[in-house]
PDB file of all heavy atoms in Angstrom:
ATOM      1  N   GLY A   1     106.715 107.212 115.924  1.00  0.00           N
ATOM      2  CA  GLY A   1     106.335 108.399 115.327  1.00  0.00           C
ATOM      3  C   GLY A   1     104.858 108.501 114.914  1.00  0.00           C
ATOM      4  O   GLY A   1     104.290 107.491 114.572  1.00  0.00           O
ATOM      5  N   ASN A   2     104.373 109.714 114.978  1.00  0.00           N
ATOM      6  CA  ASN A   2     102.958 109.874 114.644  1.00  0.00           C
ATOM      7  C   ASN A   2     102.816 110.142 113.142  1.00  0.00           C
ATOM      8  O   ASN A   2     103.748 110.269 112.415  1.00  0.00           O
ATOM      9  CB  ASN A   2     102.341 111.059 115.442  1.00  0.00           C
ATOM     10  CG  ASN A   2     102.917 112.399 115.047  1.00  0.00           C
ATOM     11  OD1 ASN A   2     103.353 112.622 113.956  1.00  0.00           O
ATOM     12  ND2 ASN A   2     102.953 113.356 115.957  1.00  0.00           N
ATOM     13  N   SER A   3     101.510 110.086 112.724  1.00  0.00           N
ATOM     14  CA  SER A   3     101.222 110.349 111.311  1.00  0.00           C
ATOM     15  C   SER A   3     100.066 111.378 111.357  1.00  0.00           C
ATOM     16  O   SER A   3      99.569 111.707 112.365  1.00  0.00           O
ATOM     17  CB  SER A   3     100.761 109.054 110.540  1.00  0.00           C
ATOM     18  OG  SER A   3      99.514 108.603 111.050  1.00  0.00           O
ATOM     19  N   ALA A   4      99.792 111.772 110.112  1.00  0.00           N
ATOM     20  CA  ALA A   4      98.754 112.863 109.980  1.00  0.00           C
ATOM     21  C   ALA A   4      97.388 112.503 110.579  1.00  0.00           C
ATOM     22  O   ALA A   4      96.679 113.275 111.162  1.00  0.00           O
ATOM     23  CB  ALA A   4      98.576 113.233 108.539  1.00  0.00           C
ATOM     24  N   GLY A   5      97.102 111.165 110.572  1.00  0.00           N
ATOM     25  CA  GLY A   5      95.780 110.754 111.092  1.00  0.00           C
ATOM     26  C   GLY A   5      95.773 109.961 112.324  1.00  0.00           C
ATOM     27  O   GLY A   5      94.661 109.637 112.830  1.00  0.00           O
ATOM     28  N   ARG A   6      96.939 109.708 112.897  1.00  0.00           N
ATOM     29  CA  ARG A   6      96.959 108.738 114.047  1.00  0.00           C
ATOM     30  C   ARG A   6      98.002 109.104 115.082  1.00  0.00           C
ATOM     31  O   ARG A   6      98.957 109.809 114.759  1.00  0.00           O
ATOM     32  CB  ARG A   6      97.267 107.339 113.546  1.00  0.00           C
ATOM     33  CG  ARG A   6      96.109 106.589 112.911  1.00  0.00           C
ATOM     34  CD  ARG A   6      96.495 105.157 112.646  1.00  0.00           C
ATOM     35  NE  ARG A   6      96.931 104.418 113.847  1.00  0.00           N
ATOM     36  CZ  ARG A   6      97.345 103.192 113.817  1.00  0.00           C
ATOM     37  NH1 ARG A   6      97.358 102.481 112.778  1.00  0.00           N
ATOM     38  NH2 ARG A   6      97.736 102.665 114.965  1.00  0.00           N
ATOM     39  N   SER A   7      97.693 108.646 116.297  1.00  0.00           N
ATOM     40  CA  SER A   7      98.645 108.709 117.393  1.00  0.00           C
ATOM     41  C   SER A   7      98.639 110.010 118.143  1.00  0.00           C
ATOM     42  O   SER A   7      98.331 111.083 117.623  1.00  0.00           O
ATOM     43  CB  SER A   7     100.058 108.361 116.938  1.00  0.00           C
ATOM     44  OG  SER A   7     100.873 108.184 118.077  1.00  0.00           O
ATOM     45  N   SER A   8      99.059 109.917 119.456  1.00  0.00           N
ATOM     46  CA  SER A   8      99.166 111.115 120.230  1.00  0.00           C
ATOM     47  C   SER A   8     100.556 111.084 120.967  1.00  0.00           C
ATOM     48  O   SER A   8     101.271 110.019 120.885  1.00  0.00           O
ATOM     49  CB  SER A   8      98.089 111.093 121.349  1.00  0.00           C
ATOM     50  OG  SER A   8      98.290 109.940 122.226  1.00  0.00           O
ATOM     51  N   LEU A   9     100.845 112.138 121.605  1.00  0.00           N
ATOM     52  CA  LEU A   9     102.116 112.211 122.345  1.00  0.00           C
ATOM     53  C   LEU A   9     102.307 111.133 123.333  1.00  0.00           C
ATOM     54  O   LEU A   9     103.292 110.420 123.401  1.00  0.00           O
ATOM     55  CB  LEU A   9     102.244 113.583 122.964  1.00  0.00           C
ATOM     56  CG  LEU A   9     103.522 113.987 123.813  1.00  0.00           C
ATOM     57  CD1 LEU A   9     103.577 115.511 123.784  1.00  0.00           C
ATOM     58  CD2 LEU A   9     103.271 113.475 125.283  1.00  0.00           C
ATOM     59  N   GLU A  10     101.186 110.858 124.104  1.00  0.00           N
ATOM     60  CA  GLU A  10     101.250 109.797 125.101  1.00  0.00           C
ATOM     61  C   GLU A  10     101.419 108.365 124.460  1.00  0.00           C
ATOM     62  O   GLU A  10     102.159 107.563 124.994  1.00  0.00           O
ATOM     63  CB  GLU A  10      99.934 109.810 125.910  1.00  0.00           C
ATOM     64  CG  GLU A  10      99.776 111.031 126.813  1.00  0.00           C
ATOM     65  CD  GLU A  10      99.349 112.287 126.115  1.00  0.00           C
ATOM     66  OE1 GLU A  10      98.991 112.230 124.946  1.00  0.00           O
ATOM     67  OE2 GLU A  10      99.545 113.396 126.734  1.00  0.00           O
ATOM     68  N   GLU A  11     100.761 108.181 123.362  1.00  0.00           N
ATOM     69  CA  GLU A  11     100.904 106.898 122.691  1.00  0.00           C
ATOM     70  C   GLU A  11     102.360 106.623 122.231  1.00  0.00           C
ATOM     71  O   GLU A  11     102.844 105.530 122.280  1.00  0.00           O
ATOM     72  CB  GLU A  11      99.999 106.789 121.483  1.00  0.00           C
ATOM     73  CG  GLU A  11      98.484 106.611 121.848  1.00  0.00           C
ATOM     74  CD  GLU A  11      97.613 106.584 120.615  1.00  0.00           C
ATOM     75  OE1 GLU A  11      97.301 107.728 120.078  1.00  0.00           O
ATOM     76  OE2 GLU A  11      97.303 105.479 120.101  1.00  0.00           O
ATOM     77  N   GLU A  12     102.985 107.676 121.700  1.00  0.00           N
ATOM     78  CA  GLU A  12     104.330 107.501 121.224  1.00  0.00           C
ATOM     79  C   GLU A  12     105.335 107.239 122.360  1.00  0.00           C
ATOM     80  O   GLU A  12     106.236 106.463 122.251  1.00  0.00           O
ATOM     81  CB  GLU A  12     104.811 108.684 120.397  1.00  0.00           C
ATOM     82  CG  GLU A  12     104.083 108.899 119.131  1.00  0.00           C
ATOM     83  CD  GLU A  12     103.978 107.663 118.277  1.00  0.00           C
ATOM     84  OE1 GLU A  12     105.011 106.989 118.119  1.00  0.00           O
ATOM     85  OE2 GLU A  12     102.849 107.306 117.827  1.00  0.00           O
ATOM     86  N   VAL A  13     105.181 107.910 123.514  1.00  0.00           N
ATOM     87  CA  VAL A  13     106.013 107.604 124.666  1.00  0.00           C
ATOM     88  C   VAL A  13     105.754 106.178 125.198  1.00  0.00           C
ATOM     89  O   VAL A  13     106.680 105.482 125.525  1.00  0.00           O
ATOM     90  CB  VAL A  13     105.705 108.653 125.822  1.00  0.00           C
ATOM     91  CG1 VAL A  13     106.405 108.211 127.133  1.00  0.00           C
ATOM     92  CG2 VAL A  13     106.149 110.042 125.418  1.00  0.00           C
ATOM     93  N   GLU A  14     104.467 105.746 125.185  1.00  0.00           N
ATOM     94  CA  GLU A  14     104.141 104.355 125.531  1.00  0.00           C
ATOM     95  C   GLU A  14     104.866 103.374 124.587  1.00  0.00           C
ATOM     96  O   GLU A  14     105.452 102.404 125.024  1.00  0.00           O
ATOM     97  CB  GLU A  14     102.687 104.166 125.565  1.00  0.00           C
ATOM     98  CG  GLU A  14     102.342 102.746 126.033  1.00  0.00           C
ATOM     99  CD  GLU A  14     100.871 102.412 125.832  1.00  0.00           C
ATOM    100  OE1 GLU A  14     100.154 102.912 124.844  1.00  0.00           O
ATOM    101  OE2 GLU A  14     100.291 101.556 126.561  1.00  0.00           O
ATOM    102  N   LYS A  15     104.851 103.632 123.286  1.00  0.00           N
ATOM    103  CA  LYS A  15     105.488 102.782 122.318  1.00  0.00           C
ATOM    104  C   LYS A  15     106.970 102.738 122.523  1.00  0.00           C
ATOM    105  O   LYS A  15     107.584 101.726 122.393  1.00  0.00           O
ATOM    106  CB  LYS A  15     105.125 103.184 120.891  1.00  0.00           C
ATOM    107  CG  LYS A  15     103.854 102.539 120.377  1.00  0.00           C
ATOM    108  CD  LYS A  15     103.767 102.664 118.869  1.00  0.00           C
ATOM    109  CE  LYS A  15     103.288 103.966 118.318  1.00  0.00           C
ATOM    110  NZ  LYS A  15     103.078 104.050 116.912  1.00  0.00           N
ATOM    111  N   MET A  16     107.520 103.878 122.867  1.00  0.00           N
ATOM    112  CA  MET A  16     108.990 103.915 123.192  1.00  0.00           C
ATOM    113  C   MET A  16     109.300 103.093 124.413  1.00  0.00           C
ATOM    114  O   MET A  16     110.261 102.259 124.310  1.00  0.00           O
ATOM    115  CB  MET A  16     109.389 105.362 123.423  1.00  0.00           C
ATOM    116  CG  MET A  16     110.896 105.549 123.738  1.00  0.00           C
ATOM    117  SD  MET A  16     111.230 105.401 125.484  1.00  0.00           S
ATOM    118  CE  MET A  16     110.330 106.673 126.147  1.00  0.00           C
ATOM    119  N   ARG A  17     108.566 103.195 125.493  1.00  0.00           N
ATOM    120  CA  ARG A  17     108.758 102.427 126.656  1.00  0.00           C
ATOM    121  C   ARG A  17     108.604 100.918 126.324  1.00  0.00           C
ATOM    122  O   ARG A  17     109.363 100.005 126.835  1.00  0.00           O
ATOM    123  CB  ARG A  17     107.776 102.774 127.767  1.00  0.00           C
ATOM    124  CG  ARG A  17     108.086 104.191 128.332  1.00  0.00           C
ATOM    125  CD  ARG A  17     107.096 104.486 129.473  1.00  0.00           C
ATOM    126  NE  ARG A  17     107.251 103.622 130.604  1.00  0.00           N
ATOM    127  CZ  ARG A  17     106.307 103.397 131.499  1.00  0.00           C
ATOM    128  NH1 ARG A  17     105.135 103.974 131.452  1.00  0.00           N
ATOM    129  NH2 ARG A  17     106.470 102.582 132.521  1.00  0.00           N
ATOM    130  N   TRP A  18     107.596 100.613 125.517  1.00  0.00           N
ATOM    131  CA  TRP A  18     107.345  99.260 125.152  1.00  0.00           C
ATOM    132  C   TRP A  18     108.477  98.673 124.359  1.00  0.00           C
ATOM    133  O   TRP A  18     108.925  97.513 124.537  1.00  0.00           O
ATOM    134  CB  TRP A  18     106.033  99.207 124.375  1.00  0.00           C
ATOM    135  CG  TRP A  18     105.387  97.828 124.155  1.00  0.00           C
ATOM    136  CD1 TRP A  18     105.131  97.254 122.883  1.00  0.00           C
ATOM    137  CD2 TRP A  18     104.799  96.995 125.051  1.00  0.00           C
ATOM    138  NE1 TRP A  18     104.480  96.150 123.019  1.00  0.00           N
ATOM    139  CE2 TRP A  18     104.331  95.882 124.363  1.00  0.00           C
ATOM    140  CE3 TRP A  18     104.759  96.997 126.476  1.00  0.00           C
ATOM    141  CZ2 TRP A  18     103.641  94.764 125.014  1.00  0.00           C
ATOM    142  CZ3 TRP A  18     104.090  95.915 127.081  1.00  0.00           C
ATOM    143  CH2 TRP A  18     103.619  94.863 126.355  1.00  0.00           C
ATOM    144  N   SER A  19     109.020  99.470 123.428  1.00  0.00           N
ATOM    145  CA  SER A  19     110.142  99.017 122.592  1.00  0.00           C
ATOM    146  C   SER A  19     111.360  98.746 123.435  1.00  0.00           C
ATOM    147  O   SER A  19     112.036  97.689 123.222  1.00  0.00           O
ATOM    148  CB  SER A  19     110.505 100.088 121.542  1.00  0.00           C
ATOM    149  OG  SER A  19     109.392 100.362 120.738  1.00  0.00           O
ATOM    150  N   THR A  20     111.730  99.586 124.361  1.00  0.00           N
ATOM    151  CA  THR A  20     112.906  99.449 125.147  1.00  0.00           C
ATOM    152  C   THR A  20     112.770  98.303 126.116  1.00  0.00           C
ATOM    153  O   THR A  20     113.788  97.672 126.494  1.00  0.00           O
ATOM    154  CB  THR A  20     113.334 100.721 125.863  1.00  0.00           C
ATOM    155  OG1 THR A  20     112.220 101.214 126.658  1.00  0.00           O
ATOM    156  CG2 THR A  20     113.698 101.777 124.832  1.00  0.00           C
ATOM    157  N   LEU A  21     111.565  98.021 126.550  1.00  0.00           N
ATOM    158  CA  LEU A  21     111.398  96.853 127.461  1.00  0.00           C
ATOM    159  C   LEU A  21     111.773  95.567 126.797  1.00  0.00           C
ATOM    160  O   LEU A  21     112.435  94.704 127.279  1.00  0.00           O
ATOM    161  CB  LEU A  21     109.901  96.756 127.860  1.00  0.00           C
ATOM    162  CG  LEU A  21     109.529  95.469 128.636  1.00  0.00           C
ATOM    163  CD1 LEU A  21     110.105  95.513 130.057  1.00  0.00           C
ATOM    164  CD2 LEU A  21     108.049  95.249 128.652  1.00  0.00           C
ATOM    165  N   TRP A  22     111.356  95.490 125.504  1.00  0.00           N
ATOM    166  CA  TRP A  22     111.671  94.149 124.693  1.00  0.00           C
ATOM    167  C   TRP A  22     113.059  94.173 124.132  1.00  0.00           C
ATOM    168  O   TRP A  22     113.451  93.092 123.615  1.00  0.00           O
ATOM    169  CB  TRP A  22     110.574  93.992 123.673  1.00  0.00           C
ATOM    170  CG  TRP A  22     109.206  93.806 124.338  1.00  0.00           C
ATOM    171  CD1 TRP A  22     108.134  94.684 124.284  1.00  0.00           C
ATOM    172  CD2 TRP A  22     108.802  92.717 125.035  1.00  0.00           C
ATOM    173  NE1 TRP A  22     107.098  94.186 125.022  1.00  0.00           N
ATOM    174  CE2 TRP A  22     107.506  92.930 125.499  1.00  0.00           C
ATOM    175  CE3 TRP A  22     109.424  91.480 125.488  1.00  0.00           C
ATOM    176  CZ2 TRP A  22     106.796  92.019 126.314  1.00  0.00           C
ATOM    177  CZ3 TRP A  22     108.687  90.602 126.256  1.00  0.00           C
ATOM    178  CH2 TRP A  22     107.368  90.874 126.629  1.00  0.00           C
ATOM    179  N   GLY A  23     113.778  95.262 124.244  1.00  0.00           N
ATOM    180  CA  GLY A  23     115.137  95.178 123.841  1.00  0.00           C
ATOM    181  C   GLY A  23     115.642  96.108 122.737  1.00  0.00           C
ATOM    182  O   GLY A  23     116.775  95.844 122.157  1.00  0.00           O
ATOM    183  N   ALA A  24     114.933  97.120 122.351  1.00  0.00           N
ATOM    184  CA  ALA A  24     115.337  98.094 121.383  1.00  0.00           C
ATOM    185  C   ALA A  24     116.517  98.921 121.947  1.00  0.00           C
ATOM    186  O   ALA A  24     116.410  99.532 123.001  1.00  0.00           O
ATOM    187  CB  ALA A  24     114.185  99.030 120.928  1.00  0.00           C
ATOM    188  N   ASP A  25     117.684  98.964 121.246  1.00  0.00           N
ATOM    189  CA  ASP A  25     118.832  99.650 121.703  1.00  0.00           C
ATOM    190  C   ASP A  25     118.771 101.171 121.333  1.00  0.00           C
ATOM    191  O   ASP A  25     119.396 101.991 122.004  1.00  0.00           O
ATOM    192  CB  ASP A  25     120.050  99.067 121.068  1.00  0.00           C
ATOM    193  CG  ASP A  25     120.293  97.662 121.474  1.00  0.00           C
ATOM    194  OD1 ASP A  25     120.767  97.410 122.630  1.00  0.00           O
ATOM    195  OD2 ASP A  25     120.004  96.731 120.655  1.00  0.00           O
ATOM    196  N   THR A  26     118.062 101.492 120.328  1.00  0.00           N
ATOM    197  CA  THR A  26     117.746 102.915 119.973  1.00  0.00           C
ATOM    198  C   THR A  26     116.349 102.922 119.487  1.00  0.00           C
ATOM    199  O   THR A  26     115.738 101.933 119.078  1.00  0.00           O
ATOM    200  CB  THR A  26     118.723 103.471 118.881  1.00  0.00           C
ATOM    201  OG1 THR A  26     118.410 103.000 117.585  1.00  0.00           O
ATOM    202  CG2 THR A  26     120.144 103.139 119.193  1.00  0.00           C
ATOM    203  N   VAL A  27     115.819 104.143 119.354  1.00  0.00           N
ATOM    204  CA  VAL A  27     114.493 104.344 118.771  1.00  0.00           C
ATOM    205  C   VAL A  27     114.651 105.600 117.825  1.00  0.00           C
ATOM    206  O   VAL A  27     115.464 106.469 117.978  1.00  0.00           O
ATOM    207  CB  VAL A  27     113.306 104.656 119.763  1.00  0.00           C
ATOM    208  CG1 VAL A  27     113.125 103.426 120.644  1.00  0.00           C
ATOM    209  CG2 VAL A  27     113.619 105.883 120.579  1.00  0.00           C
ATOM    210  N   MET A  28     113.838 105.548 116.702  1.00  0.00           N
ATOM    211  CA  MET A  28     113.822 106.698 115.814  1.00  0.00           C
ATOM    212  C   MET A  28     112.438 107.318 115.768  1.00  0.00           C
ATOM    213  O   MET A  28     111.422 106.546 115.655  1.00  0.00           O
ATOM    214  CB  MET A  28     114.203 106.278 114.366  1.00  0.00           C
ATOM    215  CG  MET A  28     115.689 105.931 114.269  1.00  0.00           C
ATOM    216  SD  MET A  28     116.283 105.860 112.541  1.00  0.00           S
ATOM    217  CE  MET A  28     116.426 107.651 112.238  1.00  0.00           C
ATOM    218  N   ASP A  29     112.327 108.625 115.989  1.00  0.00           N
ATOM    219  CA  ASP A  29     111.051 109.320 115.898  1.00  0.00           C
ATOM    220  C   ASP A  29     110.937 109.767 114.405  1.00  0.00           C
ATOM    221  O   ASP A  29     111.597 110.708 113.979  1.00  0.00           O
ATOM    222  CB  ASP A  29     111.062 110.540 116.820  1.00  0.00           C
ATOM    223  CG  ASP A  29     109.832 111.370 116.660  1.00  0.00           C
ATOM    224  OD1 ASP A  29     108.814 110.848 116.145  1.00  0.00           O
ATOM    225  OD2 ASP A  29     109.819 112.557 117.034  1.00  0.00           O
ATOM    226  N   LEU A  30     110.019 109.050 113.693  1.00  0.00           N
ATOM    227  CA  LEU A  30     109.800 109.363 112.302  1.00  0.00           C
ATOM    228  C   LEU A  30     108.386 110.128 112.101  1.00  0.00           C
ATOM    229  O   LEU A  30     107.761 109.921 111.121  1.00  0.00           O
ATOM    230  CB  LEU A  30     109.787 108.081 111.456  1.00  0.00           C
ATOM    231  CG  LEU A  30     111.013 107.214 111.662  1.00  0.00           C
ATOM    232  CD1 LEU A  30     110.934 105.974 110.705  1.00  0.00           C
ATOM    233  CD2 LEU A  30     112.258 107.956 111.465  1.00  0.00           C
ATOM    234  N   SER A  31     108.067 110.937 113.049  1.00  0.00           N
ATOM    235  CA  SER A  31     106.752 111.633 113.028  1.00  0.00           C
ATOM    236  C   SER A  31     106.600 112.460 111.732  1.00  0.00           C
ATOM    237  O   SER A  31     107.532 113.180 111.333  1.00  0.00           O
ATOM    238  CB  SER A  31     106.617 112.525 114.221  1.00  0.00           C
ATOM    239  OG  SER A  31     106.447 111.724 115.420  1.00  0.00           O
ATOM    240  N   THR A  32     105.424 112.380 111.187  1.00  0.00           N
ATOM    241  CA  THR A  32     105.068 113.204 110.024  1.00  0.00           C
ATOM    242  C   THR A  32     103.690 113.957 110.197  1.00  0.00           C
ATOM    243  O   THR A  32     103.251 114.525 109.273  1.00  0.00           O
ATOM    244  CB  THR A  32     104.957 112.287 108.727  1.00  0.00           C
ATOM    245  OG1 THR A  32     103.979 111.307 108.934  1.00  0.00           O
ATOM    246  CG2 THR A  32     106.351 111.673 108.445  1.00  0.00           C
ATOM    247  N   GLY A  33     103.153 113.825 111.433  1.00  0.00           N
ATOM    248  CA  GLY A  33     101.847 114.384 111.655  1.00  0.00           C
ATOM    249  C   GLY A  33     101.942 115.750 112.351  1.00  0.00           C
ATOM    250  O   GLY A  33     102.766 116.557 112.002  1.00  0.00           O
ATOM    251  N   GLU A  34     100.990 115.953 113.316  1.00  0.00           N
ATOM    252  CA  GLU A  34     100.929 117.209 114.007  1.00  0.00           C
ATOM    253  C   GLU A  34     101.876 117.239 115.189  1.00  0.00           C
ATOM    254  O   GLU A  34     102.243 116.165 115.692  1.00  0.00           O
ATOM    255  CB  GLU A  34      99.467 117.472 114.437  1.00  0.00           C
ATOM    256  CG  GLU A  34      98.469 117.440 113.294  1.00  0.00           C
ATOM    257  CD  GLU A  34      98.740 118.565 112.284  1.00  0.00           C
ATOM    258  OE1 GLU A  34      99.210 119.643 112.659  1.00  0.00           O
ATOM    259  OE2 GLU A  34      98.613 118.365 111.130  1.00  0.00           O
ATOM    260  N   ALA A  35     102.212 118.427 115.624  1.00  0.00           N
ATOM    261  CA  ALA A  35     102.965 118.557 116.874  1.00  0.00           C
ATOM    262  C   ALA A  35     104.294 117.761 116.831  1.00  0.00           C
ATOM    263  O   ALA A  35     104.591 117.073 117.863  1.00  0.00           O
ATOM    264  CB  ALA A  35     102.101 118.190 118.114  1.00  0.00           C
ATOM    265  N   ILE A  36     105.019 117.806 115.726  1.00  0.00           N
ATOM    266  CA  ILE A  36     106.239 116.962 115.657  1.00  0.00           C
ATOM    267  C   ILE A  36     107.220 117.365 116.763  1.00  0.00           C
ATOM    268  O   ILE A  36     107.819 116.483 117.441  1.00  0.00           O
ATOM    269  CB  ILE A  36     106.832 117.103 114.263  1.00  0.00           C
ATOM    270  CG1 ILE A  36     105.903 116.449 113.227  1.00  0.00           C
ATOM    271  CG2 ILE A  36     108.256 116.528 114.230  1.00  0.00           C
ATOM    272  CD1 ILE A  36     106.377 116.592 111.783  1.00  0.00           C
TER     273      ILE A  36
END
């Protein structure tokens, strides 16, 4: 998830792919910034 001062849509998708590669069974989007 993004925050008010950090991250972009592409970065969050990359983090999601990175998480599932290493074994995350679910992900939660806890964005609080822009373009939620």
